[in-house]
Structure formats: structure tokens, C-alpha cells
Amino acid sequence: MNDAADWWVWTRPEAEGGLGNGTFVGEAVRGFSRQVEDVGLVREIGLDAYRFNPSWARIEPERDAVDEDALDHYGEVLDALVEAGVKPMLTVHHFSSPTWVDDPLREETDCEGDPSDADLCGWHHPTGADAIIEELAEHARLLAERYGDRVDEWCTLNEPINYLLASYGLQIFPPGRNLLLTRFDDFIAVVRNYIRAHVAVYEAIKEADTIDADGDGVAAHVGYTLSVAEWIPSRRGRVSDDPADVEAAEKVEYVYHYVFTDALLNGELDSDLDQEPDEEHPDWEGKLDFLGVQYYFRTGVTSDPGLVPVLEVTPCFGAFDLGSCVDPEDPTKWVPTMRYEYWEPGIYEVLVDFGERYPDLPLTVTESGIAAEEGRRRAEHVVRNLEQIWRAREEGVDVRGYYHWSLMDNFEWAEGYEPRFGLYRVDLETYERTATEGATVLRDLIAARAMSTELRQEYGGLGPMTPEVGPEE
């Protein structure tokens, strides 16, 4: 990242002028400076599609000041991908903004007046949010104009519910605003504004990307990506059959999986989250060409205590265990660095549910991965995930692709560098990329264009996984 990004300020040590939250992002794994070179890793595995996010903060470090060098850099990445026969998918907004969108260093009371070009005061500000939406749409239009000749697949926003909860609810992402538990109406305003942003970005891309790069007859397929999970009723470490907990899990599933998507397909918003829409927004209707599904875990939800206002539920989010987290059914499937349980059938269950609720909406698995030191666990995850996706496809669910998270180890936001999701392991001192067993198994699978019996016997099924044994050599 660069110093214009909110994550730079958020993680930079206080002694250096930042907020000192977590691990300083710095150069991360040098993904930007080595991005063109890393296309070689994509080719090595044999991938035919690759998703990434051109950084808004690099392209527009100050409001309305575009960095042409950054645009040229991402153009070179796209050229390398196209030359390698790889279809790019671009995500417009992925968890990070320029500091002028909502400066993490600013006290919220300093934005009681009008926003400025240096600080638009965030997604909840009565007038600042309108300006942010306009600016994000302009950014999307610029990307579509510059890259539309090479890009046909677009994601507007990455995991809206996760992002908004972390940044405007739980204060674990920048800008670190606390609205969910204290100012619920303002939090719903943020959700409403983020939906408006998707619509504005969707329309900007559709207008600006007029070139059908892949020859399928459509110049731009535009969707968004959604964080999903297998939500299970829980009570103090155990699966619960208490009707109140069952209802609690259903409420969280509805909010996480369906509120945003329903709004974009039907033009209606359920602003009080009672599962009955109460706002009409006809300009939102039909503004979704596909849905990106991103699955990692199953986790618990309890009604006792019920800490989230209105819903009166408490989901388990890793380290935040307030009586809702559930002990893993199989300890070998526990992911220590993320503090959750990987459960293979969850992705099948979610895909089937989406297929039933939205039968005309194409689905793509735009993320799924496992944080592991042991490379064999990554290989097991790849094979088992694809087995479950194939089950869903066999039952008629329209799943069109699979993107693994991630190509290489990365800066994993609030968790820093400890979780290692990469098919390629990154040495954080030399930045050398080394293929794990996950990379070699996915390479073999892609080369065969089929799941062999041998691979399934070696890595697949629902049985125990290879235990973590410490850092790979």
C-alpha cells in the first residue's frame, strides 16, 4: 500500500504519525512492485482467470488528482495477464480507501460541519457520503475507460457486510467508527449508502466499458462479492437446538447473505432487518449480473446474549467470543490463525441456498481458502472445495467459476501477516515466492481439466485434515 491509503495510517506506529493498530502494512509482500513478475506464478499454475484490485489510493491519492503512473502500472499487469491467456477480473473497492474518504486520524466530532476535499467524512456523513459515491463512480468509470478493452468481468464492492461491520461497527478496520452498537440508524445509513455506491459503480462501468474483450457478446459483466458462512445456532461452546438460537442463526444468515442482494435484484431495502422490505428503490432493481460467493468457515450464533441491536443476536467472529463460538466438530479442521472451523459441506449448502433463492442469478466462487503453515492442508482444501462445488453444479446450481484465495501469502488486514493463505509461500525477509503443495495440486488438476480419482483419494472427502506441524521449510 501507499501512504495515501487508510490502512497505511491505521497501522503505522503512533510514533510515526499513525494509529498503531495491529501490524504495519508497509510494502506488504511487495505485491505492487512485483505484480507484473508475479503473473509468472499465475502462468505456472495454469490459471485461466485472475482477480485483483487496482488500489484507489494509488490511482487517486488526493481527491481529483489522478496518478498516471499507477494507471500505467495496472495496465502493464493486465497486458501481462492477457498475453498469458488469463482473463482478468477487477474489483473496484476492496476494504481500502484513500484517506480523503474518511480520515482515520480525524476525531468524528471534527466532521460536524461540511466535509472538505481533504476529508469527505465517511459513508455516514449526510453530505459527504453523496460525494464519496460520486467519486467512487468516477474512479470506476476511469478504470472501465482505461481497461475495458482487456477486462469484461467486474466486481463493484468486496464483502460489503464484513467491510461495514469491521469499519463502521466493530472498529477493527479503518476508519474505526463505532455506529453499530450506539447509533444503529447511522449504521443502516452506511449500508444504504454502500448499496447506492454499488449501483453508481455498476452504471458507470456499463456506460464506460463498451468493448467486448472476450467475444462473448457482453462488454461488461458486473457483480459484487459477498462473504458467506455456515451459520449454526450455538450456546456456550456447543451447537444449540434452542428455538431462540435457531432463530438467531437464521437472522444472521438473512442479513449476511440476502439483504444486500435482495436490494439489488428487487429494488427494495429491509432497513429494520425484520425480513420484510420497507423502502422502495426502483433505481436499484436489476443492478446485478452475477454474485461472487466467498466462503471460509462455519461458526455459531446465539441469542443469549443478544448484543447486536434490533436483531438481538451475537455471532461468533473468531477472537470475539461472547458465548456464541462453537468447538470444532473435528479439531483437525480448526484454523488457528483465524480462529474458525473450515467445514467442507458449507460451501455446497450456501451455493444450493443461493441457487434456490436466486435461480436466474449466475454465481462465481470469487474467494475461498485456508490459512495454513502446512502446504498439504492447502491441497486438501482445494480438492475438497472443488468436490463440494461440483456437487452443487450437479444439482443444477449455476456456478461458473472458482477463484482461490490467495495466489501468495498476503497482508490479511486486521490479522496482519500471521495467517498464510497463499498457494505460494512468501518469505517476509527476502520476499521469495515458493510453491506449496496446494499450488502443485491445483496445477495438476488444471492441467487435467478434471478431478482424478487419485487426487480425490489422496486429498478429498470429509475426513480429518493434515494437522498443522509448524512453518514450512
Protein backbone atom coordinates (compact mmCIF):
# COMPACT_ATOMS: atom_id res chain seq x y z
CA MET A 1 0.00 0.00 0.00
CA ASN A 2 1.00 3.65 -0.13
CA ASP A 3 0.79 6.44 2.42
CA ALA A 4 -2.44 7.77 0.89
CA ALA A 5 -4.30 4.60 1.94
CA ASP A 6 -6.36 4.45 5.12
CA TRP A 7 -4.70 1.15 6.10
CA TRP A 8 -1.29 2.84 5.99
CA VAL A 9 -2.40 5.44 8.54
CA TRP A 10 -4.39 2.88 10.56
CA THR A 11 -1.42 0.52 11.05
CA ARG A 12 1.51 2.95 11.05
CA PRO A 13 3.12 3.24 14.53
CA GLU A 14 1.90 6.13 16.65
CA ALA A 15 5.47 7.44 16.97
CA GLU A 16 5.49 7.87 13.19
CA GLY A 17 2.15 9.68 13.00
CA GLY A 18 -0.22 6.74 12.60
CA LEU A 19 -2.70 4.98 14.89
CA GLY A 20 -0.63 1.87 15.56
CA ASN A 21 -3.45 -0.64 15.07
CA GLY A 22 -2.02 -4.10 14.50
CA THR A 23 0.88 -4.86 12.19
CA PHE A 24 2.13 -2.02 9.99
CA VAL A 25 1.20 -2.81 6.40
CA GLY A 26 4.28 -1.21 4.82
CA GLU A 27 5.08 -2.80 1.48
CA ALA A 28 3.06 -5.88 2.43
CA VAL A 29 4.54 -8.75 0.38
CA ARG A 30 5.65 -6.36 -2.38
CA GLY A 31 2.61 -7.34 -4.35
CA PHE A 32 2.53 -3.99 -6.13
CA SER A 33 6.20 -3.68 -7.10
CA ARG A 34 6.37 -7.35 -8.18
CA GLN A 35 2.88 -7.59 -9.64
CA VAL A 36 3.89 -7.96 -13.29
CA GLU A 37 6.56 -10.51 -12.33
CA ASP A 38 4.00 -12.44 -10.26
CA VAL A 39 1.91 -13.04 -13.37
CA GLY A 40 4.51 -15.76 -13.93
CA LEU A 41 3.09 -17.60 -10.91
CA VAL A 42 -0.36 -17.44 -12.47
CA ARG A 43 1.05 -18.97 -15.63
CA GLU A 44 2.98 -21.60 -13.69
CA ILE A 45 -0.20 -22.96 -12.13
CA GLY A 46 -2.10 -22.72 -15.42
CA LEU A 47 -4.90 -20.44 -14.19
CA ASP A 48 -7.16 -19.03 -16.89
CA ALA A 49 -8.65 -16.25 -14.72
CA TYR A 50 -7.24 -13.92 -12.09
CA ARG A 51 -8.94 -11.38 -9.83
CA PHE A 52 -7.28 -8.32 -8.32
CA ASN A 53 -8.00 -4.80 -7.07
CA PRO A 54 -6.34 -1.69 -8.54
CA SER A 55 -5.77 0.45 -5.43
CA TRP A 56 -7.99 3.55 -5.36
CA ALA A 57 -5.47 5.26 -3.04
CA ARG A 58 -2.62 4.71 -5.52
CA ILE A 59 -4.64 5.91 -8.50
CA GLU A 60 -6.21 8.91 -6.73
CA PRO A 61 -4.02 9.76 -3.70
CA GLU A 62 -5.68 13.18 -3.47
CA ARG A 63 -9.24 13.94 -4.48
CA ASP A 64 -9.44 14.50 -8.27
CA ALA A 65 -5.66 14.11 -8.66
CA VAL A 66 -5.02 11.01 -10.79
CA ASP A 67 -1.63 9.31 -10.75
CA GLU A 68 -0.98 8.28 -14.35
CA ASP A 69 1.99 6.13 -13.34
CA ALA A 70 -0.30 3.98 -11.19
CA LEU A 71 -2.77 3.62 -14.05
CA ASP A 72 0.06 2.61 -16.37
CA HIS A 73 1.28 0.05 -13.84
CA TYR A 74 -2.07 -1.73 -13.67
CA GLY A 75 -2.28 -1.55 -17.45
CA GLU A 76 1.02 -3.43 -17.65
CA VAL A 77 -0.36 -6.08 -15.28
CA LEU A 78 -3.43 -6.52 -17.48
CA ASP A 79 -1.25 -6.73 -20.60
CA ALA A 80 0.80 -9.49 -18.98
CA LEU A 81 -2.32 -11.41 -17.98
CA VAL A 82 -3.92 -11.14 -21.42
CA GLU A 83 -0.64 -12.18 -23.09
CA ALA A 84 -0.64 -15.25 -20.80
CA GLY A 85 -4.19 -16.14 -21.85
CA VAL A 86 -5.60 -15.20 -18.43
CA LYS A 87 -8.97 -13.47 -18.13
CA PRO A 88 -8.78 -10.59 -15.62
CA MET A 89 -11.50 -9.76 -13.09
CA LEU A 90 -11.17 -6.34 -11.45
CA THR A 91 -12.63 -5.35 -8.07
CA VAL A 92 -13.24 -1.62 -7.72
CA HIS A 93 -13.35 -1.31 -3.90
CA HIS A 94 -11.72 -3.93 -1.69
CA PHE A 95 -11.59 -2.92 2.00
CA SER A 96 -9.37 0.14 1.48
CA SER A 97 -9.90 3.78 0.55
CA PRO A 98 -7.82 6.93 0.18
CA THR A 99 -7.58 8.80 3.48
CA TRP A 100 -9.61 11.67 1.99
CA VAL A 101 -12.71 9.43 2.02
CA ASP A 102 -12.76 9.18 5.83
CA ASP A 103 -9.51 10.09 7.57
CA PRO A 104 -8.83 7.64 10.44
CA LEU A 105 -6.76 10.30 12.22
CA ARG A 106 -9.70 12.65 12.50
CA GLU A 107 -11.97 12.70 15.53
CA GLU A 108 -15.55 12.20 14.44
CA THR A 109 -16.67 15.44 16.11
CA ASP A 110 -14.44 17.34 13.66
CA CYS A 111 -16.89 16.43 10.86
CA GLU A 112 -19.99 18.05 12.32
CA GLY A 113 -19.78 20.71 9.60
CA ASP A 114 -19.29 20.38 5.85
CA PRO A 115 -16.67 17.97 4.52
CA SER A 116 -13.62 19.11 2.58
CA ASP A 117 -11.60 17.78 -0.34
CA ALA A 118 -9.07 16.52 2.19
CA ASP A 119 -11.71 14.61 4.16
CA LEU A 120 -15.21 13.72 2.94
CA CYS A 121 -16.07 12.49 6.45
CA GLY A 122 -17.20 8.97 5.65
CA TRP A 123 -20.08 6.83 4.46
CA HIS A 124 -22.41 8.01 7.21
CA HIS A 125 -21.98 11.78 6.72
CA PRO A 126 -25.20 13.41 5.39
CA THR A 127 -23.47 15.18 2.50
CA GLY A 128 -20.04 13.56 2.49
CA ALA A 129 -21.49 10.16 1.53
CA ASP A 130 -23.03 11.63 -1.62
CA ALA A 131 -19.61 12.96 -2.63
CA ILE A 132 -17.91 9.62 -1.88
CA ILE A 133 -20.42 7.78 -4.06
CA GLU A 134 -19.83 10.24 -6.87
CA GLU A 135 -16.05 9.91 -6.52
CA LEU A 136 -16.12 6.10 -6.44
CA ALA A 137 -18.29 6.07 -9.56
CA GLU A 138 -15.82 8.41 -11.29
CA HIS A 139 -12.99 6.09 -10.27
CA ALA A 140 -14.89 3.09 -11.69
CA ARG A 141 -15.57 4.97 -14.92
CA LEU A 142 -11.87 5.73 -15.26
CA LEU A 143 -10.96 2.07 -14.77
CA ALA A 144 -13.56 0.99 -17.32
CA GLU A 145 -12.39 3.55 -19.87
CA ARG A 146 -8.71 2.60 -19.47
CA TYR A 147 -9.05 -1.16 -19.09
CA GLY A 148 -12.34 -2.12 -20.73
CA ASP A 149 -10.53 -3.37 -23.83
CA ARG A 150 -8.97 -6.09 -21.67
CA VAL A 151 -11.50 -6.57 -18.87
CA ASP A 152 -15.07 -7.87 -19.11
CA GLU A 153 -15.53 -9.15 -15.54
CA TRP A 154 -16.03 -6.54 -12.82
CA CYS A 155 -16.78 -6.60 -9.09
CA THR A 156 -18.02 -3.35 -7.63
CA LEU A 157 -17.50 -3.97 -3.91
CA ASN A 158 -15.86 -6.68 -1.83
CA GLU A 159 -17.82 -8.25 1.04
CA PRO A 160 -19.99 -5.23 1.96
CA ILE A 161 -21.39 -6.59 5.21
CA ASN A 162 -17.98 -7.68 6.51
CA TYR A 163 -16.40 -4.39 5.49
CA LEU A 164 -19.09 -2.19 7.01
CA LEU A 165 -19.23 -4.16 10.25
CA ALA A 166 -15.45 -4.01 10.64
CA SER A 167 -15.02 -0.35 9.69
CA TYR A 168 -18.22 1.30 10.95
CA GLY A 169 -19.41 -1.19 13.55
CA LEU A 170 -16.66 -3.06 15.41
CA GLN A 171 -13.76 -0.60 14.91
CA ILE A 172 -11.30 -3.21 13.66
CA PHE A 173 -10.85 -1.72 10.15
CA PRO A 174 -10.21 1.93 9.30
CA PRO A 175 -11.70 4.45 9.78
CA GLY A 176 -12.74 2.78 13.06
CA ARG A 177 -16.16 4.34 13.64
CA ASN A 178 -18.47 2.91 16.31
CA LEU A 179 -22.02 3.06 14.93
CA LEU A 180 -23.46 -0.44 15.19
CA LEU A 181 -23.91 -0.63 18.95
CA THR A 182 -24.51 3.06 19.65
CA ARG A 183 -26.10 4.66 16.57
CA PHE A 184 -27.90 1.91 14.69
CA ASP A 185 -29.80 4.27 12.36
CA ASP A 186 -26.48 5.78 11.26
CA PHE A 187 -25.12 2.30 10.62
CA ILE A 188 -28.12 1.48 8.42
CA ALA A 189 -27.46 4.76 6.58
CA VAL A 190 -23.96 3.47 5.84
CA VAL A 191 -25.43 0.22 4.46
CA ARG A 192 -27.90 2.20 2.34
CA ASN A 193 -25.13 4.45 1.00
CA TYR A 194 -22.90 1.49 0.17
CA ILE A 195 -25.74 -0.08 -1.83
CA ARG A 196 -26.11 3.26 -3.64
CA ALA A 197 -22.37 3.12 -4.34
CA HIS A 198 -22.70 -0.31 -5.93
CA VAL A 199 -25.47 0.98 -8.18
CA ALA A 200 -23.44 4.06 -9.19
CA VAL A 201 -20.35 1.96 -9.93
CA TYR A 202 -22.43 -0.61 -11.82
CA GLU A 203 -23.92 2.09 -14.05
CA ALA A 204 -20.56 3.81 -14.61
CA ILE A 205 -18.89 0.58 -15.73
CA LYS A 206 -21.79 -0.35 -18.01
CA GLU A 207 -21.61 3.06 -19.68
CA ALA A 208 -17.83 3.26 -19.99
CA ASP A 209 -16.81 -0.32 -20.85
CA THR A 210 -18.14 -0.74 -24.36
CA ILE A 211 -15.59 -3.25 -25.66
CA ASP A 212 -16.31 -6.99 -25.60
CA ALA A 213 -12.81 -8.21 -24.77
CA ASP A 214 -13.56 -11.94 -24.68
CA GLY A 215 -16.04 -12.15 -27.54
CA ASP A 216 -18.99 -13.49 -25.55
CA GLY A 217 -21.31 -10.72 -26.74
CA VAL A 218 -21.26 -8.72 -23.48
CA ALA A 219 -18.80 -5.91 -22.86
CA ALA A 220 -19.13 -5.89 -19.07
CA HIS A 221 -20.44 -8.41 -16.55
CA VAL A 222 -20.79 -6.51 -13.27
CA GLY A 223 -21.40 -8.09 -9.86
CA TYR A 224 -20.19 -7.83 -6.31
CA THR A 225 -18.64 -10.28 -3.85
CA LEU A 226 -20.36 -11.49 -0.69
CA SER A 227 -18.90 -13.03 2.45
CA VAL A 228 -20.89 -16.15 3.35
CA ALA A 229 -20.64 -18.74 6.11
CA GLU A 230 -22.43 -21.71 7.53
CA TRP A 231 -24.19 -20.07 10.49
CA ILE A 232 -25.18 -22.55 13.19
CA PRO A 233 -27.22 -22.00 16.38
CA SER A 234 -24.99 -22.09 19.43
CA ARG A 235 -24.89 -21.69 23.18
CA ARG A 236 -21.64 -21.51 25.16
CA GLY A 237 -19.42 -23.67 23.02
CA ARG A 238 -21.99 -26.15 21.77
CA VAL A 239 -24.44 -26.48 18.93
CA SER A 240 -27.85 -25.48 20.28
CA ASP A 241 -31.37 -26.63 19.46
CA ASP A 242 -32.96 -23.86 21.49
CA PRO A 243 -35.58 -22.21 19.21
CA ALA A 244 -34.27 -18.76 20.14
CA ASP A 245 -30.77 -19.70 18.97
CA VAL A 246 -32.09 -21.32 15.79
CA GLU A 247 -33.92 -18.09 15.03
CA ALA A 248 -30.78 -16.09 15.84
CA ALA A 249 -28.76 -18.06 13.27
CA GLU A 250 -31.49 -17.57 10.68
CA LYS A 251 -31.47 -13.80 11.31
CA VAL A 252 -27.70 -13.54 10.81
CA GLU A 253 -27.84 -15.67 7.67
CA TYR A 254 -30.55 -13.37 6.28
CA VAL A 255 -28.58 -10.20 6.98
CA TYR A 256 -25.25 -11.57 5.76
CA HIS A 257 -26.46 -13.47 2.71
CA TYR A 258 -29.60 -11.82 1.43
CA VAL A 259 -30.27 -8.19 2.43
CA PHE A 260 -27.77 -6.62 0.03
CA THR A 261 -28.53 -8.99 -2.84
CA ASP A 262 -32.31 -8.70 -2.43
CA ALA A 263 -31.99 -4.92 -2.59
CA LEU A 264 -30.12 -5.03 -5.90
CA LEU A 265 -32.39 -7.57 -7.55
CA ASN A 266 -35.74 -6.31 -6.25
CA GLY A 267 -35.15 -2.59 -5.65
CA GLU A 268 -36.28 -2.86 -2.02
CA LEU A 269 -34.45 -2.39 1.27
CA ASP A 270 -35.27 -4.04 4.58
CA SER A 271 -33.94 -1.17 6.71
CA ASP A 272 -35.14 -2.57 10.05
CA LEU A 273 -33.94 -6.11 9.24
CA ASP A 274 -37.25 -7.78 10.08
CA GLN A 275 -37.21 -9.77 6.80
CA GLU A 276 -39.91 -7.53 5.29
CA PRO A 277 -38.72 -4.76 2.92
CA ASP A 278 -39.87 -1.29 3.97
CA GLU A 279 -38.15 1.00 1.42
CA GLU A 280 -38.73 1.17 -2.33
CA HIS A 281 -35.69 1.95 -4.51
CA PRO A 282 -36.70 1.23 -8.11
CA ASP A 283 -33.40 2.66 -9.41
CA TRP A 284 -31.57 -0.23 -7.70
CA GLU A 285 -33.61 -3.01 -9.29
CA GLY A 286 -31.75 -5.43 -11.52
CA LYS A 287 -28.33 -3.87 -10.97
CA LEU A 288 -26.55 -7.19 -10.61
CA ASP A 289 -25.26 -9.50 -13.35
CA PHE A 290 -23.65 -12.13 -11.11
CA LEU A 291 -22.89 -12.78 -7.45
CA GLY A 292 -19.42 -13.59 -6.15
CA VAL A 293 -19.61 -16.04 -3.23
CA GLN A 294 -16.74 -16.09 -0.71
CA TYR A 295 -16.71 -18.98 1.77
CA TYR A 296 -14.21 -19.83 4.52
CA PHE A 297 -15.87 -21.21 7.65
CA ARG A 298 -18.81 -22.20 9.77
CA THR A 299 -19.46 -20.51 13.07
CA GLY A 300 -22.01 -20.05 15.82
CA VAL A 301 -24.75 -17.55 16.57
CA THR A 302 -26.52 -17.24 19.91
CA SER A 303 -29.47 -15.32 21.27
CA ASP A 304 -28.00 -15.31 24.78
CA PRO A 305 -26.55 -12.77 24.98
CA GLY A 306 -28.14 -10.81 22.15
CA LEU A 307 -25.72 -7.91 21.76
CA VAL A 308 -26.44 -6.68 18.23
CA PRO A 309 -29.21 -4.07 18.37
CA VAL A 310 -32.53 -4.81 16.65
CA LEU A 311 -31.52 -8.39 15.80
CA GLU A 312 -30.72 -9.25 19.43
CA VAL A 313 -28.15 -11.86 18.42
CA THR A 314 -24.43 -12.42 18.94
CA PRO A 315 -22.43 -14.04 16.13
CA CYS A 316 -19.02 -15.58 16.74
CA PHE A 317 -16.23 -13.69 14.98
CA GLY A 318 -13.00 -15.53 15.76
CA ALA A 319 -11.39 -13.88 18.77
CA PHE A 320 -14.65 -12.16 19.71
CA ASP A 321 -16.22 -14.99 21.70
CA LEU A 322 -19.07 -13.74 23.86
CA GLY A 323 -20.76 -17.09 24.27
CA SER A 324 -21.54 -17.77 20.62
CA CYS A 325 -18.48 -19.66 19.34
CA VAL A 326 -18.69 -23.44 18.87
CA ASP A 327 -15.97 -26.01 19.44
CA PRO A 328 -14.99 -27.60 16.10
CA GLU A 329 -16.59 -30.93 15.29
CA ASP A 330 -13.21 -32.13 14.05
CA PRO A 331 -10.19 -30.42 15.67
CA THR A 332 -8.08 -31.04 12.54
CA LYS A 333 -10.33 -28.58 10.67
CA TRP A 334 -9.67 -25.74 13.10
CA VAL A 335 -7.76 -22.79 11.54
CA PRO A 336 -5.70 -21.44 14.46
CA THR A 337 -4.60 -18.10 13.00
CA MET A 338 -8.17 -17.17 12.05
CA ARG A 339 -9.90 -18.90 14.99
CA TYR A 340 -12.62 -20.61 12.99
CA GLU A 341 -13.54 -24.03 11.63
CA TYR A 342 -13.24 -24.96 7.97
CA TRP A 343 -16.21 -27.19 7.16
CA GLU A 344 -16.28 -28.63 3.66
CA PRO A 345 -20.05 -29.02 3.02
CA GLY A 346 -20.69 -25.38 3.96
CA ILE A 347 -19.86 -24.08 0.51
CA TYR A 348 -22.20 -26.65 -1.05
CA GLU A 349 -25.02 -25.70 1.33
CA VAL A 350 -24.62 -21.99 0.64
CA LEU A 351 -24.47 -22.42 -3.13
CA VAL A 352 -27.61 -24.56 -3.12
CA ASP A 353 -29.42 -21.99 -0.97
CA PHE A 354 -28.47 -19.18 -3.34
CA GLY A 355 -29.44 -21.28 -6.35
CA GLU A 356 -32.90 -21.81 -4.87
CA ARG A 357 -33.42 -18.19 -3.81
CA TYR A 358 -31.96 -16.64 -6.98
CA PRO A 359 -32.40 -19.23 -9.77
CA ASP A 360 -31.65 -16.73 -12.54
CA LEU A 361 -28.53 -15.23 -10.95
CA PRO A 362 -25.17 -16.69 -12.05
CA LEU A 363 -22.77 -17.47 -9.20
CA THR A 364 -18.99 -17.47 -9.09
CA VAL A 365 -16.89 -18.54 -6.12
CA THR A 366 -14.66 -15.47 -6.06
CA GLU A 367 -12.78 -16.44 -2.88
CA SER A 368 -12.18 -19.47 -0.73
CA GLY A 369 -9.02 -20.57 1.01
CA ILE A 370 -7.45 -21.81 4.22
CA ALA A 371 -4.74 -20.21 6.34
CA ALA A 372 -2.16 -22.92 6.93
CA GLU A 373 1.52 -23.40 7.59
CA GLU A 374 1.28 -26.97 6.28
CA GLY A 375 1.06 -26.95 2.47
CA ARG A 376 -0.77 -30.26 2.36
CA ARG A 377 -3.73 -28.65 4.16
CA ARG A 378 -3.95 -26.14 1.32
CA ALA A 379 -4.04 -29.00 -1.19
CA GLU A 380 -6.77 -30.74 0.80
CA HIS A 381 -8.75 -27.52 0.89
CA VAL A 382 -8.52 -27.07 -2.90
CA VAL A 383 -9.70 -30.59 -3.66
CA ARG A 384 -12.45 -30.68 -1.02
CA ASN A 385 -13.80 -27.28 -2.03
CA LEU A 386 -13.99 -28.27 -5.67
CA GLU A 387 -15.72 -31.53 -4.73
CA GLN A 388 -18.43 -29.57 -2.94
CA ILE A 389 -18.79 -27.03 -5.75
CA TRP A 390 -19.16 -29.89 -8.21
CA ARG A 391 -21.96 -31.32 -6.03
CA ALA A 392 -23.82 -28.04 -6.30
CA ARG A 393 -23.33 -27.87 -10.07
CA GLU A 394 -24.56 -31.43 -10.45
CA GLU A 395 -27.78 -30.34 -8.72
CA GLY A 396 -28.26 -27.57 -11.25
CA VAL A 397 -26.79 -24.58 -9.41
CA ASP A 398 -25.34 -22.10 -11.91
CA VAL A 399 -21.75 -21.86 -10.63
CA ARG A 400 -19.45 -20.52 -13.32
CA GLY A 401 -16.00 -20.36 -11.78
CA TYR A 402 -13.68 -20.70 -8.81
CA TYR A 403 -11.01 -18.24 -7.63
CA HIS A 404 -8.74 -19.45 -4.84
CA TRP A 405 -7.66 -17.10 -2.04
CA SER A 406 -4.89 -16.44 -2.47
CA LEU A 407 -2.14 -16.74 -5.04
CA MET A 408 0.51 -15.88 -2.45
CA ASP A 409 0.67 -15.06 1.25
CA ASN A 410 -0.59 -11.55 1.90
CA PHE A 411 -1.33 -8.83 4.43
CA GLU A 412 -4.53 -10.24 5.92
CA TRP A 413 -5.98 -6.94 7.16
CA ALA A 414 -6.55 -6.88 10.95
CA GLU A 415 -4.76 -10.23 11.31
CA GLY A 416 -1.54 -8.93 9.75
CA TYR A 417 0.97 -11.40 8.32
CA GLU A 418 0.43 -14.40 10.60
CA PRO A 419 -2.33 -16.10 8.55
CA ARG A 420 -0.84 -17.61 5.40
CA PHE A 421 -3.41 -18.28 2.71
CA GLY A 422 -1.09 -18.40 -0.30
CA LEU A 423 -0.68 -21.18 -2.78
CA TYR A 424 2.82 -19.69 -2.84
CA ARG A 425 4.54 -19.08 0.48
CA VAL A 426 6.26 -15.69 0.82
CA ASP A 427 9.44 -15.27 2.83
CA LEU A 428 8.83 -11.97 4.64
CA GLU A 429 12.55 -11.14 4.66
CA THR A 430 13.54 -11.96 1.08
CA TYR A 431 10.03 -11.89 -0.47
CA GLU A 432 10.87 -15.09 -2.33
CA ARG A 433 7.76 -16.97 -3.53
CA THR A 434 7.82 -20.76 -3.06
CA ALA A 435 5.13 -23.13 -4.33
CA THR A 436 3.28 -25.10 -1.67
CA GLU A 437 1.65 -28.47 -2.18
CA GLY A 438 -1.56 -26.53 -2.74
CA ALA A 439 -0.05 -24.89 -5.82
CA THR A 440 1.25 -28.13 -7.30
CA VAL A 441 -2.04 -29.97 -6.75
CA LEU A 442 -4.07 -27.16 -8.30
CA ARG A 443 -1.62 -27.08 -11.22
CA ASP A 444 -2.08 -30.79 -11.84
CA LEU A 445 -5.84 -30.50 -11.56
CA ILE A 446 -5.94 -27.62 -14.06
CA ALA A 447 -3.66 -29.43 -16.49
CA ALA A 448 -6.01 -32.42 -16.50
CA ARG A 449 -9.15 -30.23 -16.55
CA ALA A 450 -10.70 -32.88 -14.31
CA MET A 451 -10.67 -34.20 -10.76
CA SER A 452 -8.90 -37.53 -10.87
CA THR A 453 -9.79 -40.45 -8.64
CA GLU A 454 -6.22 -40.36 -7.34
CA LEU A 455 -6.49 -36.73 -6.24
CA ARG A 456 -9.78 -37.35 -4.51
CA GLN A 457 -8.44 -40.39 -2.69
CA GLU A 458 -5.29 -38.55 -1.65
CA TYR A 459 -6.77 -35.19 -0.61
CA GLY A 460 -10.57 -35.23 -0.78
CA GLY A 461 -13.54 -36.38 1.25
CA LEU A 462 -14.83 -35.24 4.62
CA GLY A 463 -12.38 -36.96 6.92
CA PRO A 464 -9.67 -35.43 9.12
CA MET A 465 -7.23 -32.98 7.58
CA THR A 466 -3.46 -32.96 7.88
CA PRO A 467 -2.62 -31.31 11.22
CA GLU A 468 -0.55 -28.14 11.40
CA VAL A 469 3.08 -29.07 12.05
CA GLY A 470 4.74 -25.63 12.10
CA PRO A 471 6.28 -23.39 9.46
CA GLU A 472 7.20 -24.99 6.17
CA GLU A 473 10.89 -25.27 5.34
